[in-house]
Amino acid sequence: MVRRLVLLLTLWLALAACTDDPAATEGPATTAANPTTQAPSDRPLATLPDDTSLEPNAIVDRIVDGDTLVAIVGGQRERVRLLGIDTPESVAENRPDQCYGKEASDYLSALLPEGAEITLILDEEARDQYDRLLAYIVRSSDDLFVNLDLIEQGYAGVLIYDPNDHYESLFRAAERDAIDAGTGLWGVCGGPDVPLE
């Protein structure tokens, strides 16, 4: 299934690269920032369950918040929403900042600094109503499954929109473990979607 999703994304990228859009020739930023927050080295990395090694197909341009980033995909800048998760708000103009929102955003910035190579994996629906690309993200340097790591470390809760539910059971199990352990936002805020006071 993962290989099929990667193949679909590769085909989609090839089509996108054939566009006459002048923005498509814009190159990615190549300077990588040093992460300020790193995952503890004594724990195993969150990886895809089938341990598939994937070729990078995008480069991180910038982090928007804990569950959204901008990536260079096929020579174009794409706003990418991480599938299956939801982090507290930290930059929404029409909603107040939420407990652990800045921490989630900072953590994702540390995991995926500017210039980092990543693999975007699609599920059934490739875009949402805001035209964001919907993807599972694997960090190419070590095959870290970023969506799962954010749940395990307590920076995100599970949010599934059918039909994009390929890793739902894996994500829900990780969320239960984080809740039980009081990890991250579960220990500090009591749960997601809690406004800052």
C-alpha atoms as a PDB file:
ATOM      1  CA  MET A   1       0.000   0.000   0.000  1.00  0.00           C
ATOM      2  CA  VAL A   2       2.810   2.449   0.923  1.00  0.00           C
ATOM      3  CA  ARG A   3       4.590   1.765  -2.359  1.00  0.00           C
ATOM      4  CA  ARG A   4       1.315   2.451  -4.223  1.00  0.00           C
ATOM      5  CA  LEU A   5       0.919   5.768  -2.383  1.00  0.00           C
ATOM      6  CA  VAL A   6       4.496   6.776  -3.190  1.00  0.00           C
ATOM      7  CA  LEU A   7       3.960   5.803  -6.836  1.00  0.00           C
ATOM      8  CA  LEU A   8       0.822   7.961  -6.969  1.00  0.00           C
ATOM      9  CA  LEU A   9       2.712  10.914  -5.506  1.00  0.00           C
ATOM     10  CA  THR A  10       5.594  10.390  -7.953  1.00  0.00           C
ATOM     11  CA  LEU A  11       3.175  10.405 -10.895  1.00  0.00           C
ATOM     12  CA  TRP A  12       1.452  13.499  -9.551  1.00  0.00           C
ATOM     13  CA  LEU A  13       4.812  15.258  -9.144  1.00  0.00           C
ATOM     14  CA  ALA A  14       5.794  14.362 -12.695  1.00  0.00           C
ATOM     15  CA  LEU A  15       2.587  15.926 -13.980  1.00  0.00           C
ATOM     16  CA  ALA A  16       3.133  19.021 -11.838  1.00  0.00           C
ATOM     17  CA  ALA A  17       6.668  19.404 -13.208  1.00  0.00           C
ATOM     18  CA  CYS A  18       5.274  19.616 -16.745  1.00  0.00           C
ATOM     19  CA  THR A  19       3.366  22.814 -15.965  1.00  0.00           C
ATOM     20  CA  ASP A  20       4.085  26.099 -17.740  1.00  0.00           C
ATOM     21  CA  ASP A  21       3.841  27.935 -14.400  1.00  0.00           C
ATOM     22  CA  PRO A  22       6.865  30.243 -14.012  1.00  0.00           C
ATOM     23  CA  ALA A  23       6.853  29.556 -10.266  1.00  0.00           C
ATOM     24  CA  ALA A  24       7.763  25.950 -11.066  1.00  0.00           C
ATOM     25  CA  THR A  25      11.317  26.990 -11.883  1.00  0.00           C
ATOM     26  CA  GLU A  26      11.826  28.533  -8.456  1.00  0.00           C
ATOM     27  CA  GLY A  27      14.446  26.501  -6.630  1.00  0.00           C
ATOM     28  CA  PRO A  28      14.421  25.354  -3.022  1.00  0.00           C
ATOM     29  CA  ALA A  29      16.266  27.007  -0.226  1.00  0.00           C
ATOM     30  CA  THR A  30      19.390  25.005   0.508  1.00  0.00           C
ATOM     31  CA  THR A  31      20.493  26.325   3.873  1.00  0.00           C
ATOM     32  CA  ALA A  32      19.576  23.966   6.713  1.00  0.00           C
ATOM     33  CA  ALA A  33      19.032  25.473  10.153  1.00  0.00           C
ATOM     34  CA  ASN A  34      20.393  23.676  13.188  1.00  0.00           C
ATOM     35  CA  PRO A  35      17.608  22.092  15.228  1.00  0.00           C
ATOM     36  CA  THR A  36      17.187  23.525  18.713  1.00  0.00           C
ATOM     37  CA  THR A  37      15.057  20.658  19.979  1.00  0.00           C
ATOM     38  CA  GLN A  38      15.971  17.072  19.256  1.00  0.00           C
ATOM     39  CA  ALA A  39      14.259  13.817  20.044  1.00  0.00           C
ATOM     40  CA  PRO A  40      15.970  11.913  22.846  1.00  0.00           C
ATOM     41  CA  SER A  41      18.540   9.509  21.406  1.00  0.00           C
ATOM     42  CA  ASP A  42      17.715   6.738  23.898  1.00  0.00           C
ATOM     43  CA  ARG A  43      14.314   5.982  22.370  1.00  0.00           C
ATOM     44  CA  PRO A  44      13.615   4.157  19.112  1.00  0.00           C
ATOM     45  CA  LEU A  45      12.610   6.304  16.163  1.00  0.00           C
ATOM     46  CA  ALA A  46       9.009   6.273  14.987  1.00  0.00           C
ATOM     47  CA  THR A  47       9.194   4.606  11.582  1.00  0.00           C
ATOM     48  CA  LEU A  48       6.753   3.231   9.043  1.00  0.00           C
ATOM     49  CA  PRO A  49       5.460  -0.176  10.168  1.00  0.00           C
ATOM     50  CA  ASP A  50       6.667  -1.949   7.029  1.00  0.00           C
ATOM     51  CA  ASP A  51      10.167  -0.434   7.411  1.00  0.00           C
ATOM     52  CA  THR A  52      10.173   0.676   3.785  1.00  0.00           C
ATOM     53  CA  SER A  53      13.127   2.825   2.751  1.00  0.00           C
ATOM     54  CA  LEU A  54      11.794   5.712   0.691  1.00  0.00           C
ATOM     55  CA  GLU A  55      13.479   8.098  -1.703  1.00  0.00           C
ATOM     56  CA  PRO A  56      13.044  11.812  -0.886  1.00  0.00           C
ATOM     57  CA  ASN A  57      10.535  13.642  -3.092  1.00  0.00           C
ATOM     58  CA  ALA A  58      10.383  17.059  -1.403  1.00  0.00           C
ATOM     59  CA  ILE A  59      12.480  19.607   0.500  1.00  0.00           C
ATOM     60  CA  VAL A  60      11.310  21.578   3.527  1.00  0.00           C
ATOM     61  CA  ASP A  61      11.001  25.288   2.785  1.00  0.00           C
ATOM     62  CA  ARG A  62       9.534  26.431   6.125  1.00  0.00           C
ATOM     63  CA  ILE A  63       7.329  25.352   9.010  1.00  0.00           C
ATOM     64  CA  VAL A  64       3.957  27.081   9.344  1.00  0.00           C
ATOM     65  CA  ASP A  65       2.865  25.474  12.630  1.00  0.00           C
ATOM     66  CA  GLY A  66       2.892  22.085  14.333  1.00  0.00           C
ATOM     67  CA  ASP A  67       0.979  20.258  11.599  1.00  0.00           C
ATOM     68  CA  THR A  68       1.562  22.356   8.471  1.00  0.00           C
ATOM     69  CA  LEU A  69       4.652  23.188   6.443  1.00  0.00           C
ATOM     70  CA  VAL A  70       5.680  24.530   3.067  1.00  0.00           C
ATOM     71  CA  ALA A  71       7.770  22.198   0.921  1.00  0.00           C
ATOM     72  CA  ILE A  72       9.354  22.327  -2.506  1.00  0.00           C
ATOM     73  CA  VAL A  73       7.660  19.565  -4.494  1.00  0.00           C
ATOM     74  CA  GLY A  74       8.452  19.116  -8.163  1.00  0.00           C
ATOM     75  CA  GLY A  75       9.983  22.600  -8.273  1.00  0.00           C
ATOM     76  CA  GLN A  76       6.902  24.259  -6.762  1.00  0.00           C
ATOM     77  CA  ARG A  77       6.121  25.485  -3.265  1.00  0.00           C
ATOM     78  CA  GLU A  78       3.294  23.442  -1.755  1.00  0.00           C
ATOM     79  CA  ARG A  79       1.522  23.964   1.549  1.00  0.00           C
ATOM     80  CA  VAL A  80       1.463  20.497   3.156  1.00  0.00           C
ATOM     81  CA  ARG A  81      -0.894  19.435   5.963  1.00  0.00           C
ATOM     82  CA  LEU A  82       0.267  16.401   7.926  1.00  0.00           C
ATOM     83  CA  LEU A  83      -2.325  13.630   7.726  1.00  0.00           C
ATOM     84  CA  GLY A  84      -3.951  11.957  10.706  1.00  0.00           C
ATOM     85  CA  ILE A  85      -2.866  14.484  13.335  1.00  0.00           C
ATOM     86  CA  ASP A  86      -3.851  17.811  14.808  1.00  0.00           C
ATOM     87  CA  THR A  87      -1.609  20.056  16.868  1.00  0.00           C
ATOM     88  CA  PRO A  88      -2.740  22.994  18.999  1.00  0.00           C
ATOM     89  CA  GLU A  89      -3.135  26.279  17.132  1.00  0.00           C
ATOM     90  CA  SER A  90      -0.280  28.768  17.269  1.00  0.00           C
ATOM     91  CA  VAL A  91      -0.692  30.989  14.188  1.00  0.00           C
ATOM     92  CA  ALA A  92      -4.390  30.912  13.190  1.00  0.00           C
ATOM     93  CA  GLU A  93      -5.705  34.413  12.573  1.00  0.00           C
ATOM     94  CA  ASN A  94      -9.306  33.547  13.403  1.00  0.00           C
ATOM     95  CA  ARG A  95      -8.660  31.389  16.500  1.00  0.00           C
ATOM     96  CA  PRO A  96      -6.811  32.005  19.757  1.00  0.00           C
ATOM     97  CA  ASP A  97      -3.467  30.352  20.407  1.00  0.00           C
ATOM     98  CA  GLN A  98      -3.824  27.064  22.255  1.00  0.00           C
ATOM     99  CA  CYS A  99      -1.882  25.378  25.018  1.00  0.00           C
ATOM    100  CA  TYR A 100       1.240  23.645  23.601  1.00  0.00           C
ATOM    101  CA  GLY A 101       0.827  25.216  20.144  1.00  0.00           C
ATOM    102  CA  LYS A 102       4.174  27.025  20.165  1.00  0.00           C
ATOM    103  CA  GLU A 103       5.908  23.933  21.558  1.00  0.00           C
ATOM    104  CA  ALA A 104       4.447  21.770  18.754  1.00  0.00           C
ATOM    105  CA  SER A 105       5.533  24.271  16.120  1.00  0.00           C
ATOM    106  CA  ASP A 106       9.041  24.544  17.596  1.00  0.00           C
ATOM    107  CA  TYR A 107       9.345  20.751  17.771  1.00  0.00           C
ATOM    108  CA  LEU A 108       8.372  20.308  14.111  1.00  0.00           C
ATOM    109  CA  SER A 109      10.879  23.044  13.190  1.00  0.00           C
ATOM    110  CA  ALA A 110      13.582  21.092  15.019  1.00  0.00           C
ATOM    111  CA  LEU A 111      12.611  17.816  13.334  1.00  0.00           C
ATOM    112  CA  LEU A 112      12.399  19.349   9.850  1.00  0.00           C
ATOM    113  CA  PRO A 113      14.723  22.329   9.459  1.00  0.00           C
ATOM    114  CA  GLU A 114      14.771  24.355   6.269  1.00  0.00           C
ATOM    115  CA  GLY A 115      16.396  22.345   3.479  1.00  0.00           C
ATOM    116  CA  ALA A 116      15.669  18.925   5.017  1.00  0.00           C
ATOM    117  CA  GLU A 117      14.846  16.208   2.505  1.00  0.00           C
ATOM    118  CA  ILE A 118      11.549  14.418   3.124  1.00  0.00           C
ATOM    119  CA  THR A 119       9.297  11.841   1.530  1.00  0.00           C
ATOM    120  CA  LEU A 120       5.632  12.784   1.192  1.00  0.00           C
ATOM    121  CA  ILE A 121       3.242   9.834   1.138  1.00  0.00           C
ATOM    122  CA  LEU A 122      -0.350  10.354   0.026  1.00  0.00           C
ATOM    123  CA  ASP A 123      -3.436   8.486   1.161  1.00  0.00           C
ATOM    124  CA  GLU A 124      -6.740   8.328  -0.760  1.00  0.00           C
ATOM    125  CA  GLU A 125      -7.403  12.073  -1.113  1.00  0.00           C
ATOM    126  CA  ALA A 126      -4.442  14.240  -2.075  1.00  0.00           C
ATOM    127  CA  ARG A 127      -5.842  17.691  -1.212  1.00  0.00           C
ATOM    128  CA  ASP A 128      -8.183  19.301   1.277  1.00  0.00           C
ATOM    129  CA  GLN A 129     -10.737  22.083   0.805  1.00  0.00           C
ATOM    130  CA  TYR A 130      -7.951  24.673   1.225  1.00  0.00           C
ATOM    131  CA  ASP A 131      -5.932  23.073  -1.623  1.00  0.00           C
ATOM    132  CA  ARG A 132      -3.238  21.920   0.811  1.00  0.00           C
ATOM    133  CA  LEU A 133      -1.396  18.736  -0.091  1.00  0.00           C
ATOM    134  CA  LEU A 134      -2.268  16.058   2.494  1.00  0.00           C
ATOM    135  CA  ALA A 135       0.612  13.752   3.376  1.00  0.00           C
ATOM    136  CA  TYR A 136       2.351  11.460   5.771  1.00  0.00           C
ATOM    137  CA  ILE A 137       5.940  12.669   6.091  1.00  0.00           C
ATOM    138  CA  VAL A 138       9.102  10.619   6.464  1.00  0.00           C
ATOM    139  CA  ARG A 139      12.369  12.439   7.251  1.00  0.00           C
ATOM    140  CA  SER A 140      14.894  11.159   4.735  1.00  0.00           C
ATOM    141  CA  SER A 141      18.001  11.367   6.921  1.00  0.00           C
ATOM    142  CA  ASP A 142      16.811   8.578   9.240  1.00  0.00           C
ATOM    143  CA  ASP A 143      13.336   7.458   8.038  1.00  0.00           C
ATOM    144  CA  LEU A 144      11.609   9.101  11.012  1.00  0.00           C
ATOM    145  CA  PHE A 145       7.813   8.894  10.525  1.00  0.00           C
ATOM    146  CA  VAL A 146       7.107  12.492  11.533  1.00  0.00           C
ATOM    147  CA  ASN A 147       3.311  12.227  11.946  1.00  0.00           C
ATOM    148  CA  LEU A 148       3.699   9.284  14.335  1.00  0.00           C
ATOM    149  CA  ASP A 149       6.550  10.925  16.245  1.00  0.00           C
ATOM    150  CA  LEU A 150       4.450  14.042  16.924  1.00  0.00           C
ATOM    151  CA  ILE A 151       1.753  11.819  18.469  1.00  0.00           C
ATOM    152  CA  GLU A 152       4.200   9.712  20.483  1.00  0.00           C
ATOM    153  CA  GLN A 153       5.927  12.786  21.915  1.00  0.00           C
ATOM    154  CA  GLY A 154       2.618  14.407  22.903  1.00  0.00           C
ATOM    155  CA  TYR A 155       2.702  17.306  20.447  1.00  0.00           C
ATOM    156  CA  ALA A 156      -0.373  16.137  18.499  1.00  0.00           C
ATOM    157  CA  GLY A 157      -3.649  14.326  18.880  1.00  0.00           C
ATOM    158  CA  VAL A 158      -5.171  12.035  16.279  1.00  0.00           C
ATOM    159  CA  LEU A 159      -7.515  13.614  13.734  1.00  0.00           C
ATOM    160  CA  ILE A 160      -8.756  11.351  10.949  1.00  0.00           C
ATOM    161  CA  TYR A 161     -10.767  12.535   7.967  1.00  0.00           C
ATOM    162  CA  ASP A 162     -12.063   9.641   5.901  1.00  0.00           C
ATOM    163  CA  PRO A 163     -10.998   8.251   3.514  1.00  0.00           C
ATOM    164  CA  ASN A 164      -7.438   9.171   4.627  1.00  0.00           C
ATOM    165  CA  ASP A 165      -7.212   6.591   7.405  1.00  0.00           C
ATOM    166  CA  HIS A 166      -4.373   4.243   6.391  1.00  0.00           C
ATOM    167  CA  TYR A 167      -2.463   4.601   9.698  1.00  0.00           C
ATOM    168  CA  GLU A 168      -5.448   5.244  11.990  1.00  0.00           C
ATOM    169  CA  SER A 169      -4.974   2.208  14.248  1.00  0.00           C
ATOM    170  CA  LEU A 170      -1.233   2.886  14.619  1.00  0.00           C
ATOM    171  CA  PHE A 171      -1.883   6.551  15.445  1.00  0.00           C
ATOM    172  CA  ARG A 172      -4.665   5.778  17.950  1.00  0.00           C
ATOM    173  CA  ALA A 173      -2.472   3.276  19.796  1.00  0.00           C
ATOM    174  CA  ALA A 174       0.335   5.861  20.027  1.00  0.00           C
ATOM    175  CA  GLU A 175      -2.125   8.487  21.265  1.00  0.00           C
ATOM    176  CA  ARG A 176      -3.437   6.129  23.992  1.00  0.00           C
ATOM    177  CA  ASP A 177       0.142   5.557  25.171  1.00  0.00           C
ATOM    178  CA  ALA A 178       0.844   9.316  25.251  1.00  0.00           C
ATOM    179  CA  ILE A 179      -2.380   9.991  27.185  1.00  0.00           C
ATOM    180  CA  ASP A 180      -1.663   7.213  29.683  1.00  0.00           C
ATOM    181  CA  ALA A 181       1.867   8.525  30.251  1.00  0.00           C
ATOM    182  CA  GLY A 182       0.818  12.191  30.418  1.00  0.00           C
ATOM    183  CA  THR A 183       3.282  12.961  27.649  1.00  0.00           C
ATOM    184  CA  GLY A 184       3.547  16.493  26.249  1.00  0.00           C
ATOM    185  CA  LEU A 185       0.249  18.319  25.896  1.00  0.00           C
ATOM    186  CA  TRP A 186      -1.579  15.517  27.722  1.00  0.00           C
ATOM    187  CA  GLY A 187       0.343  16.267  30.919  1.00  0.00           C
ATOM    188  CA  VAL A 188       0.588  20.035  30.572  1.00  0.00           C
ATOM    189  CA  CYS A 189      -2.773  20.985  29.029  1.00  0.00           C
ATOM    190  CA  GLY A 190      -4.954  17.975  29.764  1.00  0.00           C
ATOM    191  CA  GLY A 191      -5.577  17.501  26.040  1.00  0.00           C
ATOM    192  CA  PRO A 192      -5.614  19.310  22.688  1.00  0.00           C
ATOM    193  CA  ASP A 193      -7.684  22.383  21.797  1.00  0.00           C
ATOM    194  CA  VAL A 194      -7.169  24.089  25.162  1.00  0.00           C
ATOM    195  CA  PRO A 195      -6.946  27.901  24.828  1.00  0.00           C
ATOM    196  CA  LEU A 196      -4.013  29.708  26.411  1.00  0.00           C
ATOM    197  CA  GLU A 197      -5.102  31.541  29.538  1.00  0.00           C
END
